[in-house]
Amino acid sequence: MSEEKTDKVINKDTGETVTEEKAEDVSELEEAVEAAAEDAKAEDAEIAEESEEAESSEGEKEEEPAGKKSWAEKKAEKKAQKADKEKEALKAKVEELEDKTKRQLAEFENFRNRSEKEKAQSFDRGAASVLEKLLPVVDNFERGFATVDEADKDDAFVVGMDKVYKQLMDELDKIGVKPIEAVGKEFDPNFHNAVMQTESDEYESGFVAQELLKGYTYHDTVLRHSMVSVVQ
């Protein structure tokens, strides 16, 4: 009968004799225990370090000067500064819009005044054209009265025509038609049209001695220049 040979070792801690397989199991168990102990020490060291940093941070906060602003105060200050900038920007925008509105209103007022002036001028030009055509009618009235004898001035027909003439001249005067003064006035090419020269003991040279055809104005417009004789 053969004997089985088994390797044996003695456990250092207990003094017991164990096989190699059991010895390997014990060795692995011891290594695991040592590793766990090392991990525990590392965790304890890390916790202690974090605790020291926290205490150091609290100490620094306590040592901050009394006048130094906190984070919340700084944030509030920045927010207030931002609000002020936005307020200034809005104020500038409002002023810009007000200025633009004023300029547009002024431009519109100028446009309206210009339009009204142009409209009035256009009306005056149209009225002047019509009134100019009435002047020969006035001339014919005056020429007809000039031929009436003194004895016939009380005739009913002459009196009636005189009333019509006066009514016509009154209406023309109301709308702004005025006769141009000529005789005895210094010659003015803006109102007078010299058709001849004459000698005169009554008027000085350059003055109108005789009116050949009466001129008229309508407001500031000359409807017809006076045809005159000027002293040479």
C-alpha atoms as a PDB file:
ATOM      1  CA  MET A   1       0.000   0.000   0.000  1.00  0.00           C
ATOM      2  CA  SER A   2       1.548   3.254  -1.091  1.00  0.00           C
ATOM      3  CA  GLU A   3       1.650   6.388   1.085  1.00  0.00           C
ATOM      4  CA  GLU A   4       0.341   9.715  -0.192  1.00  0.00           C
ATOM      5  CA  LYS A   5       2.845  12.531   0.311  1.00  0.00           C
ATOM      6  CA  THR A   6       1.342  15.838   1.362  1.00  0.00           C
ATOM      7  CA  ASP A   7       3.276  19.119   1.727  1.00  0.00           C
ATOM      8  CA  LYS A   8       2.657  20.685   5.111  1.00  0.00           C
ATOM      9  CA  VAL A   9       3.474  24.137   6.538  1.00  0.00           C
ATOM     10  CA  ILE A  10       3.186  25.558   9.998  1.00  0.00           C
ATOM     11  CA  ASN A  11       0.943  28.610  10.603  1.00  0.00           C
ATOM     12  CA  LYS A  12       3.101  31.288  12.196  1.00  0.00           C
ATOM     13  CA  ASP A  13       0.226  32.785  14.238  1.00  0.00           C
ATOM     14  CA  THR A  14      -1.350  29.566  15.577  1.00  0.00           C
ATOM     15  CA  GLY A  15       1.466  27.055  15.289  1.00  0.00           C
ATOM     16  CA  GLU A  16      -0.901  24.644  13.555  1.00  0.00           C
ATOM     17  CA  THR A  17       0.251  22.514  10.706  1.00  0.00           C
ATOM     18  CA  VAL A  18      -1.664  23.206   7.481  1.00  0.00           C
ATOM     19  CA  THR A  19      -1.472  22.082   3.914  1.00  0.00           C
ATOM     20  CA  GLU A  20      -0.129  24.304   1.088  1.00  0.00           C
ATOM     21  CA  GLU A  21      -3.627  24.887  -0.309  1.00  0.00           C
ATOM     22  CA  LYS A  22      -4.903  26.147   3.009  1.00  0.00           C
ATOM     23  CA  ALA A  23      -1.792  28.277   3.383  1.00  0.00           C
ATOM     24  CA  GLU A  24      -2.501  29.989   0.066  1.00  0.00           C
ATOM     25  CA  ASP A  25      -6.090  30.702   1.137  1.00  0.00           C
ATOM     26  CA  VAL A  26      -4.907  32.210   4.384  1.00  0.00           C
ATOM     27  CA  SER A  27      -2.331  34.354   2.554  1.00  0.00           C
ATOM     28  CA  GLU A  28      -4.967  35.740   0.187  1.00  0.00           C
ATOM     29  CA  LEU A  29      -7.259  36.499   3.111  1.00  0.00           C
ATOM     30  CA  GLU A  30      -4.511  38.372   4.921  1.00  0.00           C
ATOM     31  CA  GLU A  31      -3.726  40.434   1.803  1.00  0.00           C
ATOM     32  CA  ALA A  32      -7.398  41.359   1.452  1.00  0.00           C
ATOM     33  CA  VAL A  33      -7.557  42.458   5.091  1.00  0.00           C
ATOM     34  CA  GLU A  34      -4.436  44.596   4.673  1.00  0.00           C
ATOM     35  CA  ALA A  35      -5.833  46.214   1.487  1.00  0.00           C
ATOM     36  CA  ALA A  36      -9.099  47.054   3.252  1.00  0.00           C
ATOM     37  CA  ALA A  37      -7.156  48.597   6.112  1.00  0.00           C
ATOM     38  CA  GLU A  38      -5.143  50.735   3.690  1.00  0.00           C
ATOM     39  CA  ASP A  39      -8.340  51.948   1.974  1.00  0.00           C
ATOM     40  CA  ALA A  40      -9.837  52.880   5.323  1.00  0.00           C
ATOM     41  CA  LYS A  41      -6.744  54.868   6.239  1.00  0.00           C
ATOM     42  CA  ALA A  42      -6.852  56.700   2.880  1.00  0.00           C
ATOM     43  CA  GLU A  43     -10.519  57.626   3.380  1.00  0.00           C
ATOM     44  CA  ASP A  44      -9.801  58.885   6.900  1.00  0.00           C
ATOM     45  CA  ALA A  45      -6.933  61.028   5.574  1.00  0.00           C
ATOM     46  CA  GLU A  46      -9.130  62.500   2.794  1.00  0.00           C
ATOM     47  CA  ILE A  47     -11.916  63.342   5.258  1.00  0.00           C
ATOM     48  CA  ALA A  48      -9.437  65.014   7.570  1.00  0.00           C
ATOM     49  CA  GLU A  49      -7.993  67.077   4.678  1.00  0.00           C
ATOM     50  CA  GLU A  50     -11.447  68.270   3.561  1.00  0.00           C
ATOM     51  CA  SER A  51     -12.280  69.212   7.133  1.00  0.00           C
ATOM     52  CA  GLU A  52      -9.107  71.288   7.406  1.00  0.00           C
ATOM     53  CA  GLU A  53      -9.867  73.072   4.082  1.00  0.00           C
ATOM     54  CA  ALA A  54     -13.401  73.883   5.252  1.00  0.00           C
ATOM     55  CA  GLU A  55     -12.116  75.303   8.524  1.00  0.00           C
ATOM     56  CA  SER A  56      -9.488  77.313   6.642  1.00  0.00           C
ATOM     57  CA  SER A  57     -12.159  78.704   4.257  1.00  0.00           C
ATOM     58  CA  GLU A  58     -14.418  79.723   7.147  1.00  0.00           C
ATOM     59  CA  GLY A  59     -11.459  81.406   8.813  1.00  0.00           C
ATOM     60  CA  GLU A  60     -10.745  83.411   5.647  1.00  0.00           C
ATOM     61  CA  LYS A  61     -14.401  84.494   5.451  1.00  0.00           C
ATOM     62  CA  GLU A  62     -14.329  85.649   9.029  1.00  0.00           C
ATOM     63  CA  GLU A  63     -11.144  87.596   8.375  1.00  0.00           C
ATOM     64  CA  GLU A  64     -12.663  89.569   5.380  1.00  0.00           C
ATOM     65  CA  PRO A  65     -12.711  93.334   6.002  1.00  0.00           C
ATOM     66  CA  ALA A  66     -16.011  94.812   7.143  1.00  0.00           C
ATOM     67  CA  GLY A  67     -16.233  97.213   4.119  1.00  0.00           C
ATOM     68  CA  LYS A  68     -15.875  94.490   1.523  1.00  0.00           C
ATOM     69  CA  LYS A  69     -19.117  93.763  -0.413  1.00  0.00           C
ATOM     70  CA  SER A  70     -20.667  90.339  -0.329  1.00  0.00           C
ATOM     71  CA  TRP A  71     -21.451  88.322  -3.443  1.00  0.00           C
ATOM     72  CA  ALA A  72     -25.161  89.166  -3.172  1.00  0.00           C
ATOM     73  CA  GLU A  73     -24.386  92.884  -2.871  1.00  0.00           C
ATOM     74  CA  LYS A  74     -22.096  92.767  -5.898  1.00  0.00           C
ATOM     75  CA  LYS A  75     -24.783  90.984  -7.904  1.00  0.00           C
ATOM     76  CA  ALA A  76     -27.401  93.546  -6.876  1.00  0.00           C
ATOM     77  CA  GLU A  77     -25.033  96.381  -7.804  1.00  0.00           C
ATOM     78  CA  LYS A  78     -24.385  94.903 -11.250  1.00  0.00           C
ATOM     79  CA  LYS A  79     -28.119  94.455 -11.745  1.00  0.00           C
ATOM     80  CA  ALA A  80     -28.737  98.090 -10.775  1.00  0.00           C
ATOM     81  CA  GLN A  81     -25.997  99.275 -13.151  1.00  0.00           C
ATOM     82  CA  LYS A  82     -27.544  97.254 -15.968  1.00  0.00           C
ATOM     83  CA  ALA A  83     -30.967  98.733 -15.201  1.00  0.00           C
ATOM     84  CA  ASP A  84     -29.481 102.268 -15.241  1.00  0.00           C
ATOM     85  CA  LYS A  85     -27.883 101.621 -18.634  1.00  0.00           C
ATOM     86  CA  GLU A  86     -31.161 100.320 -20.031  1.00  0.00           C
ATOM     87  CA  LYS A  87     -32.965 103.352 -18.593  1.00  0.00           C
ATOM     88  CA  GLU A  88     -30.473 105.733 -20.226  1.00  0.00           C
ATOM     89  CA  ALA A  89     -30.812 103.872 -23.526  1.00  0.00           C
ATOM     90  CA  LEU A  90     -34.606 104.136 -23.377  1.00  0.00           C
ATOM     91  CA  LYS A  91     -34.383 107.829 -22.483  1.00  0.00           C
ATOM     92  CA  ALA A  92     -32.110 108.460 -25.468  1.00  0.00           C
ATOM     93  CA  LYS A  93     -34.509 106.548 -27.718  1.00  0.00           C
ATOM     94  CA  VAL A  94     -37.484 108.571 -26.457  1.00  0.00           C
ATOM     95  CA  GLU A  95     -35.611 111.841 -27.057  1.00  0.00           C
ATOM     96  CA  GLU A  96     -34.682 110.674 -30.549  1.00  0.00           C
ATOM     97  CA  LEU A  97     -38.303 109.808 -31.342  1.00  0.00           C
ATOM     98  CA  GLU A  98     -39.527 113.131 -29.918  1.00  0.00           C
ATOM     99  CA  ASP A  99     -37.020 115.038 -32.050  1.00  0.00           C
ATOM    100  CA  LYS A 100     -38.001 113.027 -35.115  1.00  0.00           C
ATOM    101  CA  THR A 101     -41.689 113.672 -34.435  1.00  0.00           C
ATOM    102  CA  LYS A 102     -41.103 117.409 -34.024  1.00  0.00           C
ATOM    103  CA  ARG A 103     -39.158 117.563 -37.288  1.00  0.00           C
ATOM    104  CA  GLN A 104     -41.863 115.630 -39.117  1.00  0.00           C
ATOM    105  CA  LEU A 105     -44.561 117.919 -37.704  1.00  0.00           C
ATOM    106  CA  ALA A 106     -42.543 120.972 -38.762  1.00  0.00           C
ATOM    107  CA  GLU A 107     -42.065 119.515 -42.241  1.00  0.00           C
ATOM    108  CA  PHE A 108     -45.778 118.754 -42.463  1.00  0.00           C
ATOM    109  CA  GLU A 109     -46.647 122.299 -41.338  1.00  0.00           C
ATOM    110  CA  ASN A 110     -44.286 123.742 -43.948  1.00  0.00           C
ATOM    111  CA  PHE A 111     -45.790 121.452 -46.575  1.00  0.00           C
ATOM    112  CA  ARG A 112     -49.311 122.505 -45.604  1.00  0.00           C
ATOM    113  CA  ASN A 113     -48.406 126.204 -45.700  1.00  0.00           C
ATOM    114  CA  ARG A 114     -46.658 125.752 -49.013  1.00  0.00           C
ATOM    115  CA  SER A 115     -49.640 123.859 -50.417  1.00  0.00           C
ATOM    116  CA  GLU A 116     -52.058 126.542 -49.235  1.00  0.00           C
ATOM    117  CA  LYS A 117     -49.859 129.255 -50.711  1.00  0.00           C
ATOM    118  CA  GLU A 118     -49.599 127.427 -54.023  1.00  0.00           C
ATOM    119  CA  LYS A 119     -53.353 126.851 -53.986  1.00  0.00           C
ATOM    120  CA  ALA A 120     -53.993 130.543 -53.331  1.00  0.00           C
ATOM    121  CA  GLN A 121     -51.539 131.535 -56.048  1.00  0.00           C
ATOM    122  CA  SER A 122     -53.197 129.143 -58.459  1.00  0.00           C
ATOM    123  CA  PHE A 123     -56.593 130.622 -57.613  1.00  0.00           C
ATOM    124  CA  ASP A 124     -55.252 134.154 -58.000  1.00  0.00           C
ATOM    125  CA  ARG A 125     -53.813 133.304 -61.406  1.00  0.00           C
ATOM    126  CA  GLY A 126     -57.165 131.923 -62.514  1.00  0.00           C
ATOM    127  CA  ALA A 127     -59.037 134.913 -61.095  1.00  0.00           C
ATOM    128  CA  ALA A 128     -56.562 137.343 -62.650  1.00  0.00           C
ATOM    129  CA  SER A 129     -57.104 135.759 -66.040  1.00  0.00           C
ATOM    130  CA  VAL A 130     -60.879 136.261 -65.738  1.00  0.00           C
ATOM    131  CA  LEU A 131     -60.585 139.788 -64.335  1.00  0.00           C
ATOM    132  CA  GLU A 132     -58.216 140.804 -67.087  1.00  0.00           C
ATOM    133  CA  LYS A 133     -60.916 139.918 -69.598  1.00  0.00           C
ATOM    134  CA  LEU A 134     -63.382 142.192 -67.767  1.00  0.00           C
ATOM    135  CA  LEU A 135     -61.160 145.265 -68.069  1.00  0.00           C
ATOM    136  CA  PRO A 136     -62.180 146.042 -71.685  1.00  0.00           C
ATOM    137  CA  VAL A 137     -65.801 146.094 -70.465  1.00  0.00           C
ATOM    138  CA  VAL A 138     -64.833 148.709 -67.874  1.00  0.00           C
ATOM    139  CA  ASP A 139     -62.958 150.637 -70.579  1.00  0.00           C
ATOM    140  CA  ASN A 140     -66.058 150.678 -72.789  1.00  0.00           C
ATOM    141  CA  PHE A 141     -68.199 152.000 -69.942  1.00  0.00           C
ATOM    142  CA  GLU A 142     -65.759 154.856 -69.380  1.00  0.00           C
ATOM    143  CA  ARG A 143     -65.429 155.634 -73.080  1.00  0.00           C
ATOM    144  CA  GLY A 144     -69.217 155.734 -73.396  1.00  0.00           C
ATOM    145  CA  PHE A 145     -69.590 158.125 -70.456  1.00  0.00           C
ATOM    146  CA  ALA A 146     -66.908 160.354 -71.953  1.00  0.00           C
ATOM    147  CA  THR A 147     -69.057 160.887 -75.045  1.00  0.00           C
ATOM    148  CA  VAL A 148     -72.226 161.802 -73.149  1.00  0.00           C
ATOM    149  CA  ASP A 149     -73.130 165.471 -73.399  1.00  0.00           C
ATOM    150  CA  GLU A 150     -73.676 167.447 -70.265  1.00  0.00           C
ATOM    151  CA  ALA A 151     -77.349 167.907 -71.164  1.00  0.00           C
ATOM    152  CA  ASP A 152     -77.887 164.138 -71.441  1.00  0.00           C
ATOM    153  CA  LYS A 153     -76.328 163.126 -68.137  1.00  0.00           C
ATOM    154  CA  ASP A 154     -79.735 163.097 -66.427  1.00  0.00           C
ATOM    155  CA  ASP A 155     -81.200 160.823 -69.059  1.00  0.00           C
ATOM    156  CA  ALA A 156     -82.698 157.677 -67.541  1.00  0.00           C
ATOM    157  CA  PHE A 157     -80.615 155.383 -69.723  1.00  0.00           C
ATOM    158  CA  VAL A 158     -77.375 157.179 -68.836  1.00  0.00           C
ATOM    159  CA  VAL A 159     -78.270 157.162 -65.147  1.00  0.00           C
ATOM    160  CA  GLY A 160     -79.071 153.441 -65.314  1.00  0.00           C
ATOM    161  CA  MET A 161     -75.769 152.607 -67.049  1.00  0.00           C
ATOM    162  CA  ASP A 162     -73.905 154.709 -64.521  1.00  0.00           C
ATOM    163  CA  LYS A 163     -75.431 152.678 -61.689  1.00  0.00           C
ATOM    164  CA  VAL A 164     -74.395 149.407 -63.373  1.00  0.00           C
ATOM    165  CA  TYR A 165     -70.867 150.745 -63.863  1.00  0.00           C
ATOM    166  CA  LYS A 166     -70.566 151.832 -60.238  1.00  0.00           C
ATOM    167  CA  GLN A 167     -71.878 148.477 -59.009  1.00  0.00           C
ATOM    168  CA  LEU A 168     -69.323 146.662 -61.176  1.00  0.00           C
ATOM    169  CA  MET A 169     -66.457 148.811 -59.867  1.00  0.00           C
ATOM    170  CA  ASP A 170     -67.608 148.301 -56.258  1.00  0.00           C
ATOM    171  CA  GLU A 171     -67.553 144.514 -56.680  1.00  0.00           C
ATOM    172  CA  LEU A 172     -64.133 144.611 -58.320  1.00  0.00           C
ATOM    173  CA  ASP A 173     -62.839 146.726 -55.464  1.00  0.00           C
ATOM    174  CA  LYS A 174     -64.191 144.234 -52.910  1.00  0.00           C
ATOM    175  CA  ILE A 175     -62.280 141.326 -54.463  1.00  0.00           C
ATOM    176  CA  GLY A 176     -59.051 143.330 -54.629  1.00  0.00           C
ATOM    177  CA  VAL A 177     -59.026 145.002 -58.044  1.00  0.00           C
ATOM    178  CA  LYS A 178     -57.584 148.520 -57.756  1.00  0.00           C
ATOM    179  CA  PRO A 179     -56.818 151.164 -60.418  1.00  0.00           C
ATOM    180  CA  ILE A 180     -53.168 152.171 -60.742  1.00  0.00           C
ATOM    181  CA  GLU A 181     -52.409 155.807 -59.977  1.00  0.00           C
ATOM    182  CA  ALA A 182     -50.540 157.343 -62.884  1.00  0.00           C
ATOM    183  CA  VAL A 183     -50.922 161.079 -63.615  1.00  0.00           C
ATOM    184  CA  GLY A 184     -48.605 163.186 -61.462  1.00  0.00           C
ATOM    185  CA  LYS A 185     -46.637 160.105 -60.303  1.00  0.00           C
ATOM    186  CA  GLU A 186     -43.032 159.381 -61.117  1.00  0.00           C
ATOM    187  CA  PHE A 187     -42.748 156.874 -63.923  1.00  0.00           C
ATOM    188  CA  ASP A 188     -42.458 153.312 -62.571  1.00  0.00           C
ATOM    189  CA  PRO A 189     -41.925 150.539 -65.128  1.00  0.00           C
ATOM    190  CA  ASN A 190     -43.461 148.057 -62.680  1.00  0.00           C
ATOM    191  CA  PHE A 191     -46.842 149.760 -63.126  1.00  0.00           C
ATOM    192  CA  HIS A 192     -46.538 152.106 -66.100  1.00  0.00           C
ATOM    193  CA  ASN A 193     -46.004 151.484 -69.786  1.00  0.00           C
ATOM    194  CA  ALA A 194     -44.650 154.629 -71.513  1.00  0.00           C
ATOM    195  CA  VAL A 195     -45.974 154.870 -75.060  1.00  0.00           C
ATOM    196  CA  MET A 196     -44.911 158.460 -75.755  1.00  0.00           C
ATOM    197  CA  GLN A 197     -43.014 161.466 -74.354  1.00  0.00           C
ATOM    198  CA  THR A 198     -44.326 164.974 -73.993  1.00  0.00           C
ATOM    199  CA  GLU A 199     -43.362 168.423 -72.754  1.00  0.00           C
ATOM    200  CA  SER A 200     -45.083 169.823 -69.672  1.00  0.00           C
ATOM    201  CA  ASP A 201     -44.941 172.964 -67.568  1.00  0.00           C
ATOM    202  CA  GLU A 202     -46.914 171.255 -64.811  1.00  0.00           C
ATOM    203  CA  TYR A 203     -44.814 168.136 -64.189  1.00  0.00           C
ATOM    204  CA  GLU A 204     -41.091 167.501 -63.944  1.00  0.00           C
ATOM    205  CA  SER A 205     -39.121 165.312 -66.288  1.00  0.00           C
ATOM    206  CA  GLY A 206     -39.724 161.608 -65.698  1.00  0.00           C
ATOM    207  CA  PHE A 207     -43.224 162.117 -64.331  1.00  0.00           C
ATOM    208  CA  VAL A 208     -46.463 160.889 -65.943  1.00  0.00           C
ATOM    209  CA  ALA A 209     -48.305 163.762 -67.634  1.00  0.00           C
ATOM    210  CA  GLN A 210     -51.193 161.864 -69.212  1.00  0.00           C
ATOM    211  CA  GLU A 211     -52.923 158.488 -68.820  1.00  0.00           C
ATOM    212  CA  LEU A 212     -53.972 156.959 -72.127  1.00  0.00           C
ATOM    213  CA  LEU A 213     -55.309 153.665 -70.773  1.00  0.00           C
ATOM    214  CA  LYS A 214     -55.997 152.936 -67.106  1.00  0.00           C
ATOM    215  CA  GLY A 215     -54.094 150.104 -65.476  1.00  0.00           C
ATOM    216  CA  TYR A 216     -55.242 147.788 -62.676  1.00  0.00           C
ATOM    217  CA  THR A 217     -53.789 145.524 -59.998  1.00  0.00           C
ATOM    218  CA  TYR A 218     -55.260 142.439 -58.342  1.00  0.00           C
ATOM    219  CA  HIS A 219     -53.772 142.131 -54.859  1.00  0.00           C
ATOM    220  CA  ASP A 220     -50.022 142.152 -55.605  1.00  0.00           C
ATOM    221  CA  THR A 221     -50.415 141.218 -59.278  1.00  0.00           C
ATOM    222  CA  VAL A 222     -50.536 143.746 -62.105  1.00  0.00           C
ATOM    223  CA  LEU A 223     -53.519 142.892 -64.279  1.00  0.00           C
ATOM    224  CA  ARG A 224     -52.628 145.546 -66.803  1.00  0.00           C
ATOM    225  CA  HIS A 225     -49.994 148.278 -66.900  1.00  0.00           C
ATOM    226  CA  SER A 226     -51.137 151.860 -67.326  1.00  0.00           C
ATOM    227  CA  MET A 227     -50.381 153.234 -70.791  1.00  0.00           C
ATOM    228  CA  VAL A 228     -48.971 156.722 -70.162  1.00  0.00           C
ATOM    229  CA  SER A 229     -47.244 159.725 -71.618  1.00  0.00           C
ATOM    230  CA  VAL A 230     -44.084 160.738 -69.740  1.00  0.00           C
ATOM    231  CA  VAL A 231     -42.554 164.207 -69.486  1.00  0.00           C
ATOM    232  CA  GLN A 232     -39.223 164.233 -71.309  1.00  0.00           C
END
